[in-house]
């Protein structure tokens, strides 16, 4: 992708870019809908990313051309308004950074991406973080991952209108190659955990799509907040499973199941992190399978295609476990498999899913990558 956007930049602007920056997508191994409940998550940054080649302007205009969209992002930093298409995240980050008192300069850029949009791999968070990195290099100020992640979450919540947590921005901003990252979403503390070299992570895109603003995502968050109020805590993170069992009768059926997912998922994340640290793939796989069941039955955020994909993956030789990943209602599943079965796994899952759904999936092996970074300066 670096060579592609460099060539496009040279063609459009008749010069080489001054900077190239990138920010990765992510796959969440376990810990779904726990981040906005102040809980725990275990994602990893993947080797699919958003890239921007850019140069400084001498005014306060931003002009960003995308390889994937015909119309550019074009706006003034003196008057940032809502747009109507893909550039909303760029405008939102400019708004969020200025609101946080960062000095911004204008720039011209070319954007390229290898992250499937809407697949549950956080293309939006990657776009937010790569934009923040672009503003930081032209403004000559430090990109502080936790701070940028918080601003990115504010943009999602207040500019975009999606009540998401902070996981996606955190992992895109501060992932590390060959590591997964355990994140405490309340304290914004993270622990890098080495990923075993003999285990492969496979992302399986069902090619069904979702958006956070028009799916049931915001509704799930409201239900979690309602359950927390009944438990008299600020977030469901503060409720143990023993406390839940004692007081679950205080909740109606729907809130009970929503709360049970979040509380049990937090336990699964912490146990999975321990298992990953010692390389116990069997235990991680068991927890991933249990996580999918919880998301399917208690949180109700899967769809038929996700359930089919996960069932197919789980039945393959060499698969330790599989689950839906991302916000749900479409997108991708993730599987943990033995590295020596990747070819047969890919072929079998592809063919079986295509036959079962008449949809052509996108399947790719992921490697853990670095978070947002400057590639050329």
Protein backbone atom coordinates (compact mmCIF):
# COMPACT_ATOMS: atom_id res chain seq x y z
CA UNK A 1 0.00 0.00 0.00
CA UNK A 2 2.89 2.39 0.71
CA UNK A 3 4.13 2.20 -2.87
CA UNK A 4 0.60 2.61 -4.26
CA UNK A 5 -0.20 5.79 -2.35
CA UNK A 6 3.30 7.17 -3.03
CA UNK A 7 2.79 6.67 -6.76
CA UNK A 8 -0.66 8.26 -6.61
CA UNK A 9 0.70 11.20 -4.63
CA UNK A 10 3.47 11.76 -7.19
CA UNK A 11 0.94 11.61 -10.03
CA UNK A 12 -1.53 14.01 -8.44
CA UNK A 13 0.83 16.55 -6.87
CA UNK A 14 3.91 16.16 -9.07
CA UNK A 15 6.19 15.65 -6.07
CA UNK A 16 7.01 13.02 -3.44
CA UNK A 17 5.12 13.06 -0.12
CA UNK A 18 6.74 14.71 2.88
CA UNK A 19 5.24 12.16 5.26
CA UNK A 20 3.62 8.75 5.19
CA UNK A 21 1.62 7.59 8.19
CA UNK A 22 -0.38 4.43 8.90
CA UNK A 23 -2.80 3.09 11.52
CA UNK A 24 -4.00 -0.52 11.64
CA UNK A 25 -7.36 -2.16 11.92
CA UNK A 26 -7.88 -4.67 14.67
CA UNK A 27 -9.34 -8.04 15.42
CA UNK A 28 -10.73 -8.59 18.88
CA UNK A 29 -9.79 -12.04 20.12
CA UNK A 30 -12.26 -11.85 23.00
CA UNK A 31 -14.13 -9.19 24.96
CA UNK A 32 -17.14 -7.90 23.03
CA UNK A 33 -19.26 -4.97 24.26
CA UNK A 34 -17.24 -4.89 27.46
CA UNK A 35 -15.28 -1.73 26.65
CA UNK A 36 -18.12 0.76 27.16
CA UNK A 37 -18.96 -1.16 30.33
CA UNK A 38 -15.52 -0.16 31.67
CA UNK A 39 -14.39 -3.76 31.35
CA UNK A 40 -11.60 -5.75 29.74
CA UNK A 41 -10.78 -6.60 26.12
CA UNK A 42 -8.07 -8.61 24.34
CA UNK A 43 -7.59 -7.31 20.78
CA UNK A 44 -4.60 -7.22 18.48
CA UNK A 45 -3.69 -4.75 15.76
CA UNK A 46 -3.63 -6.47 12.37
CA UNK A 47 -1.48 -6.15 9.29
CA UNK A 48 -4.25 -4.36 7.39
CA UNK A 49 -4.23 -0.61 7.78
CA UNK A 50 -5.16 2.89 6.67
CA UNK A 51 -2.30 4.79 5.03
CA UNK A 52 -1.92 8.49 4.23
CA UNK A 53 0.81 10.09 2.10
CA UNK A 54 0.79 13.83 2.68
CA UNK A 55 2.43 17.23 2.47
CA UNK A 56 1.99 20.42 4.51
CA UNK A 57 -0.10 23.28 3.14
CA UNK A 58 0.53 26.93 3.95
CA UNK A 59 -3.13 27.52 4.80
CA UNK A 60 -5.70 25.81 7.00
CA UNK A 61 -7.32 23.70 4.30
CA UNK A 62 -7.38 19.90 4.37
CA UNK A 63 -7.60 18.10 1.03
CA UNK A 64 -7.54 14.29 1.19
CA UNK A 65 -8.12 12.09 -1.85
CA UNK A 66 -9.08 8.45 -1.29
CA UNK A 67 -8.19 5.56 -3.57
CA UNK A 68 -11.62 4.08 -2.80
CA UNK A 69 -13.94 7.10 -3.21
CA UNK A 70 -14.34 9.50 -6.10
CA UNK A 71 -14.96 12.66 -4.06
CA UNK A 72 -12.22 14.02 -1.75
CA UNK A 73 -12.40 15.19 1.83
CA UNK A 74 -12.05 18.95 1.56
CA UNK A 75 -12.71 21.42 4.37
CA UNK A 76 -11.30 24.39 6.27
CA UNK A 77 -9.97 24.03 9.80
CA UNK A 78 -11.48 27.45 10.46
CA UNK A 79 -15.01 26.17 9.85
CA UNK A 80 -15.46 22.44 10.39
CA UNK A 81 -18.95 21.21 9.54
CA UNK A 82 -20.47 17.78 9.17
CA UNK A 83 -19.97 16.14 5.79
CA UNK A 84 -22.11 13.55 4.12
CA UNK A 85 -19.83 10.64 3.25
CA UNK A 86 -16.55 8.89 4.13
CA UNK A 87 -14.78 12.11 5.20
CA UNK A 88 -16.95 12.42 8.33
CA UNK A 89 -14.24 10.74 10.42
CA UNK A 90 -11.55 13.12 9.11
CA UNK A 91 -13.70 16.15 9.91
CA UNK A 92 -14.59 14.66 13.27
CA UNK A 93 -10.95 14.17 14.27
CA UNK A 94 -10.10 17.72 13.22
CA UNK A 95 -13.01 18.96 15.35
CA UNK A 96 -12.02 16.74 18.28
CA UNK A 97 -8.35 17.72 18.19
CA UNK A 98 -9.11 21.44 18.01
CA UNK A 99 -11.63 21.07 20.82
CA UNK A 100 -8.82 19.49 22.87
CA UNK A 101 -6.63 22.56 22.13
CA UNK A 102 -4.26 21.00 19.61
CA UNK A 103 -2.83 23.36 16.98
CA UNK A 104 -3.72 22.08 13.52
CA UNK A 105 -2.22 22.88 10.13
CA UNK A 106 -3.64 22.14 6.71
CA UNK A 107 -2.35 19.37 4.46
CA UNK A 108 -2.86 17.55 1.15
CA UNK A 109 -2.95 13.78 1.17
CA UNK A 110 -3.71 10.47 -0.50
CA UNK A 111 -5.53 7.81 1.53
CA UNK A 112 -5.31 4.09 0.88
CA UNK A 113 -6.71 1.19 2.86
CA UNK A 114 -6.41 -2.58 3.03
CA UNK A 115 -9.13 -2.92 5.71
CA UNK A 116 -12.52 -4.19 4.49
CA UNK A 117 -15.11 -1.52 5.36
CA UNK A 118 -17.94 -2.73 7.59
CA UNK A 119 -16.29 -6.08 8.31
CA UNK A 120 -15.99 -5.45 12.05
CA UNK A 121 -12.24 -4.77 11.85
CA UNK A 122 -12.37 -1.13 12.96
CA UNK A 123 -11.75 0.68 9.71
CA UNK A 124 -13.32 3.76 11.31
CA UNK A 125 -10.97 3.77 14.30
CA UNK A 126 -8.00 3.25 11.98
CA UNK A 127 -9.15 6.24 9.91
CA UNK A 128 -9.45 8.33 13.07
CA UNK A 129 -5.98 7.37 14.30
CA UNK A 130 -4.26 7.78 10.93
CA UNK A 131 -5.87 11.23 10.65
CA UNK A 132 -4.62 12.14 14.11
CA UNK A 133 -1.14 10.99 13.15
CA UNK A 134 -1.29 13.11 9.98
CA UNK A 135 -2.27 16.19 11.97
CA UNK A 136 0.51 15.48 14.49
CA UNK A 137 3.30 15.32 11.90
CA UNK A 138 2.27 18.50 10.09
CA UNK A 139 1.64 20.27 13.43
CA UNK A 140 4.89 18.98 14.96
CA UNK A 141 3.30 17.78 18.21
CA UNK A 142 3.54 14.41 19.93
CA UNK A 143 1.03 11.68 19.13
CA UNK A 144 0.18 10.27 22.57
CA UNK A 145 -1.72 7.00 22.02
CA UNK A 146 -4.03 7.08 25.04
CA UNK A 147 -4.90 10.73 24.51
CA UNK A 148 -5.57 10.23 20.80
CA UNK A 149 -7.70 7.17 21.58
CA UNK A 150 -9.87 9.18 23.98
CA UNK A 151 -10.36 11.92 21.40
CA UNK A 152 -11.24 9.28 18.80
CA UNK A 153 -13.87 7.84 21.12
CA UNK A 154 -15.30 11.33 21.66
CA UNK A 155 -15.55 11.74 17.91
CA UNK A 156 -17.43 8.42 17.60
CA UNK A 157 -19.81 9.35 20.41
CA UNK A 158 -20.40 13.07 19.87
CA UNK A 159 -19.64 13.69 16.18
CA UNK A 160 -20.62 10.41 14.52
CA UNK A 161 -23.36 9.46 17.00
CA UNK A 162 -22.20 5.91 17.77
CA UNK A 163 -21.96 5.18 21.50
CA UNK A 164 -18.89 2.98 21.20
CA UNK A 165 -16.21 2.26 23.78
CA UNK A 166 -12.51 2.97 23.51
CA UNK A 167 -11.08 -0.41 22.54
CA UNK A 168 -10.79 0.16 18.80
CA UNK A 169 -8.95 3.45 19.09
CA UNK A 170 -6.66 2.13 21.85
CA UNK A 171 -5.44 -0.88 19.90
CA UNK A 172 -5.11 1.04 16.63
CA UNK A 173 -3.08 3.71 18.42
CA UNK A 174 -0.80 1.49 20.51
CA UNK A 175 -0.67 -2.10 19.26
CA UNK A 176 2.63 -3.93 19.00
CA UNK A 177 3.84 -6.42 16.39
CA UNK A 178 3.74 -10.08 17.52
CA UNK A 179 1.59 -9.16 20.55
CA UNK A 180 -2.04 -9.05 21.59
CA UNK A 181 -3.01 -6.39 24.12
CA UNK A 182 -5.06 -6.76 27.29
CA UNK A 183 -6.78 -3.43 27.92
CA UNK A 184 -8.45 -2.24 31.11
CA UNK A 185 -10.94 0.15 29.56
CA UNK A 186 -11.62 2.00 32.81
CA UNK A 187 -8.05 2.79 33.77
CA UNK A 188 -6.74 2.83 30.18
CA UNK A 189 -3.99 0.49 31.30
CA UNK A 190 -2.69 -2.08 28.84
CA UNK A 191 -0.45 -5.13 28.89
CA UNK A 192 1.26 -6.41 25.77
CA UNK A 193 1.12 -10.22 25.63
CA UNK A 194 3.41 -12.10 23.21
CA UNK A 195 1.49 -14.11 20.64
CA UNK A 196 2.65 -17.74 20.21
CA UNK A 197 4.39 -18.28 16.88
CA UNK A 198 2.74 -21.65 16.20
CA UNK A 199 -0.82 -20.28 16.39
CA UNK A 200 -2.51 -18.46 13.50
CA UNK A 201 -5.35 -15.95 13.69
CA UNK A 202 -7.84 -16.17 10.84
CA UNK A 203 -10.39 -13.47 10.05
CA UNK A 204 -13.45 -14.71 8.17
CA UNK A 205 -15.53 -11.92 6.66
CA UNK A 206 -19.12 -13.08 6.15
CA UNK A 207 -19.65 -10.14 3.73
CA UNK A 208 -22.75 -9.14 5.68
CA UNK A 209 -22.49 -5.56 6.82
CA UNK A 210 -23.41 -3.40 9.80
CA UNK A 211 -23.08 0.16 11.00
CA UNK A 212 -22.98 1.19 14.65
CA UNK A 213 -25.49 3.98 14.17
CA UNK A 214 -28.30 2.00 12.56
CA UNK A 215 -27.79 -1.45 14.10
CA UNK A 216 -28.73 -2.41 17.65
CA UNK A 217 -25.39 -1.24 19.02
CA UNK A 218 -26.64 1.88 20.80
CA UNK A 219 -29.64 -0.05 22.14
CA UNK A 220 -27.32 -2.66 23.72
CA UNK A 221 -25.38 0.08 25.44
CA UNK A 222 -28.55 1.61 26.83
CA UNK A 223 -29.63 -1.81 28.12
CA UNK A 224 -26.29 -2.29 29.86
CA UNK A 225 -26.58 1.14 31.49
CA UNK A 226 -30.09 0.29 32.66
CA UNK A 227 -28.85 -2.95 34.21
CA UNK A 228 -25.99 -1.13 35.94
CA UNK A 229 -28.43 1.31 37.51
CA UNK A 230 -30.45 -1.56 38.94
CA UNK A 231 -27.25 -3.00 40.44
CA UNK A 232 -26.47 0.52 41.74
CA UNK A 233 -23.05 0.67 40.07
CA UNK A 234 -21.65 3.01 37.44
CA UNK A 235 -20.82 0.18 35.01
CA UNK A 236 -21.38 -3.57 34.80
CA UNK A 237 -17.66 -4.10 35.24
CA UNK A 238 -18.30 -3.59 38.97
CA UNK A 239 -20.67 -6.58 39.24
CA UNK A 240 -19.17 -10.01 39.96
CA UNK A 241 -20.77 -13.20 38.74
CA UNK A 242 -21.64 -14.16 42.32
CA UNK A 243 -23.41 -10.81 42.81
CA UNK A 244 -25.20 -11.25 39.51
CA UNK A 245 -26.51 -14.66 40.51
CA UNK A 246 -27.80 -13.29 43.81
CA UNK A 247 -29.62 -10.32 42.24
CA UNK A 248 -30.41 -11.34 38.67
CA UNK A 249 -34.09 -11.70 39.58
CA UNK A 250 -34.20 -7.90 39.99
CA UNK A 251 -33.81 -7.56 36.21
CA UNK A 252 -36.29 -8.35 33.50
CA UNK A 253 -35.43 -11.16 31.08
CA UNK A 254 -33.71 -9.00 28.47
CA UNK A 255 -31.62 -6.96 30.90
CA UNK A 256 -30.68 -10.14 32.76
CA UNK A 257 -29.26 -11.72 29.62
CA UNK A 258 -27.47 -8.53 28.53
CA UNK A 259 -25.83 -8.20 31.95
CA UNK A 260 -24.90 -11.89 32.10
CA UNK A 261 -23.04 -11.60 28.82
CA UNK A 262 -20.98 -8.59 29.92
CA UNK A 263 -20.15 -9.97 33.37
CA UNK A 264 -19.21 -13.42 32.09
CA UNK A 265 -17.30 -11.91 29.13
CA UNK A 266 -15.09 -9.89 31.45
CA UNK A 267 -14.19 -13.11 33.27
CA UNK A 268 -13.45 -14.84 29.97
CA UNK A 269 -11.15 -12.01 28.84
CA UNK A 270 -9.02 -12.16 31.98
CA UNK A 271 -8.80 -15.94 31.78
CA UNK A 272 -7.94 -15.80 28.08
CA UNK A 273 -5.13 -13.32 28.76
CA UNK A 274 -3.65 -15.71 31.32
CA UNK A 275 -3.95 -18.60 28.88
CA UNK A 276 -2.36 -16.60 26.05
CA UNK A 277 0.55 -15.64 28.27
CA UNK A 278 1.44 -19.33 28.76
CA UNK A 279 0.50 -20.34 25.21
CA UNK A 280 -2.51 -22.47 26.16
CA UNK A 281 -4.37 -22.36 22.84
CA UNK A 282 -6.87 -25.04 23.89
CA UNK A 283 -8.11 -22.92 26.79
CA UNK A 284 -8.24 -19.75 24.70
CA UNK A 285 -10.26 -21.60 22.09
CA UNK A 286 -12.70 -22.89 24.70
CA UNK A 287 -13.23 -19.36 25.96
CA UNK A 288 -13.72 -18.02 22.43
CA UNK A 289 -16.39 -20.65 21.77
CA UNK A 290 -18.16 -19.75 25.01
CA UNK A 291 -17.96 -16.07 24.09
CA UNK A 292 -19.74 -16.68 20.80
CA UNK A 293 -22.51 -18.63 22.51
CA UNK A 294 -22.98 -15.73 24.93
CA UNK A 295 -23.12 -13.17 22.13
CA UNK A 296 -25.56 -15.31 20.18
CA UNK A 297 -27.93 -16.21 23.02
CA UNK A 298 -27.57 -13.53 25.71
CA UNK A 299 -26.47 -10.40 23.85
CA UNK A 300 -28.17 -11.32 20.57
CA UNK A 301 -25.75 -9.54 18.23
CA UNK A 302 -24.95 -12.31 15.76
CA UNK A 303 -26.78 -13.06 12.53
CA UNK A 304 -27.34 -16.30 10.61
CA UNK A 305 -24.21 -15.89 8.51
CA UNK A 306 -21.99 -15.28 11.55
CA UNK A 307 -23.40 -18.32 13.32
CA UNK A 308 -22.89 -20.47 10.24
CA UNK A 309 -19.34 -19.21 9.76
CA UNK A 310 -18.41 -19.85 13.39
CA UNK A 311 -19.93 -23.34 13.36
CA UNK A 312 -18.04 -24.22 10.18
CA UNK A 313 -14.75 -22.92 11.61
CA UNK A 314 -15.19 -24.72 14.92
CA UNK A 315 -15.69 -28.03 13.10
CA UNK A 316 -12.40 -27.85 11.19
CA UNK A 317 -9.35 -29.94 12.18
CA UNK A 318 -6.77 -27.82 13.96
CA UNK A 319 -9.23 -25.12 15.06
CA UNK A 320 -8.95 -24.29 18.76
CA UNK A 321 -11.96 -21.96 18.81
CA UNK A 322 -13.93 -19.35 16.87
CA UNK A 323 -16.29 -16.51 17.59
CA UNK A 324 -17.94 -13.47 16.12
CA UNK A 325 -15.73 -10.40 16.40
CA UNK A 326 -16.57 -6.69 16.33
CA UNK A 327 -19.78 -4.89 17.15
CA UNK A 328 -21.99 -7.58 15.68
CA UNK A 329 -25.08 -7.69 13.43
CA UNK A 330 -22.79 -8.67 10.54
CA UNK A 331 -19.11 -8.47 9.70
CA UNK A 332 -16.48 -11.01 10.61
CA UNK A 333 -15.66 -13.98 12.76
CA UNK A 334 -12.23 -14.88 14.10
CA UNK A 335 -10.67 -18.30 14.58
CA UNK A 336 -7.57 -19.50 16.37
CA UNK A 337 -5.96 -22.40 14.54
CA UNK A 338 -2.77 -24.42 14.30
CA UNK A 339 -0.44 -22.64 11.93
CA UNK A 340 0.21 -25.79 9.88
CA UNK A 341 -3.46 -26.16 8.83
CA UNK A 342 -4.01 -22.67 7.42
CA UNK A 343 -4.25 -23.77 3.78
CA UNK A 344 -6.76 -26.54 4.34
CA UNK A 345 -8.71 -24.42 6.85
CA UNK A 346 -9.02 -21.57 4.36
CA UNK A 347 -10.19 -23.85 1.56
CA UNK A 348 -12.66 -25.85 3.63
CA UNK A 349 -14.25 -22.85 5.34
CA UNK A 350 -14.51 -20.92 2.07
CA UNK A 351 -16.21 -23.75 0.19
CA UNK A 352 -18.53 -24.80 3.02
CA UNK A 353 -19.67 -21.25 3.78
CA UNK A 354 -20.25 -20.47 0.09
CA UNK A 355 -22.36 -23.60 -0.29
CA UNK A 356 -24.36 -22.88 2.88
CA UNK A 357 -25.08 -19.20 2.26
CA UNK A 358 -24.47 -18.55 -1.44
CA UNK A 359 -22.14 -15.77 -0.27
CA UNK A 360 -18.46 -15.58 -1.15
CA UNK A 361 -16.49 -14.97 2.08
CA UNK A 362 -13.20 -13.15 2.44
CA UNK A 363 -10.73 -15.14 4.53
CA UNK A 364 -7.26 -14.02 5.49
CA UNK A 365 -4.55 -14.84 7.98
CA UNK A 366 -3.70 -11.95 10.30
CA UNK A 367 -0.40 -11.08 11.91
CA UNK A 368 -0.16 -8.75 14.88
CA UNK A 369 1.22 -5.36 13.80
CA UNK A 370 2.36 -2.09 15.31
CA UNK A 371 -0.15 0.62 16.13
CA UNK A 372 -0.24 4.06 14.52
CA UNK A 373 3.17 5.19 13.31
CA UNK A 374 5.07 7.47 10.98
CA UNK A 375 6.50 5.43 8.11
CA UNK A 376 8.22 8.28 6.25
CA UNK A 377 9.28 11.61 7.76
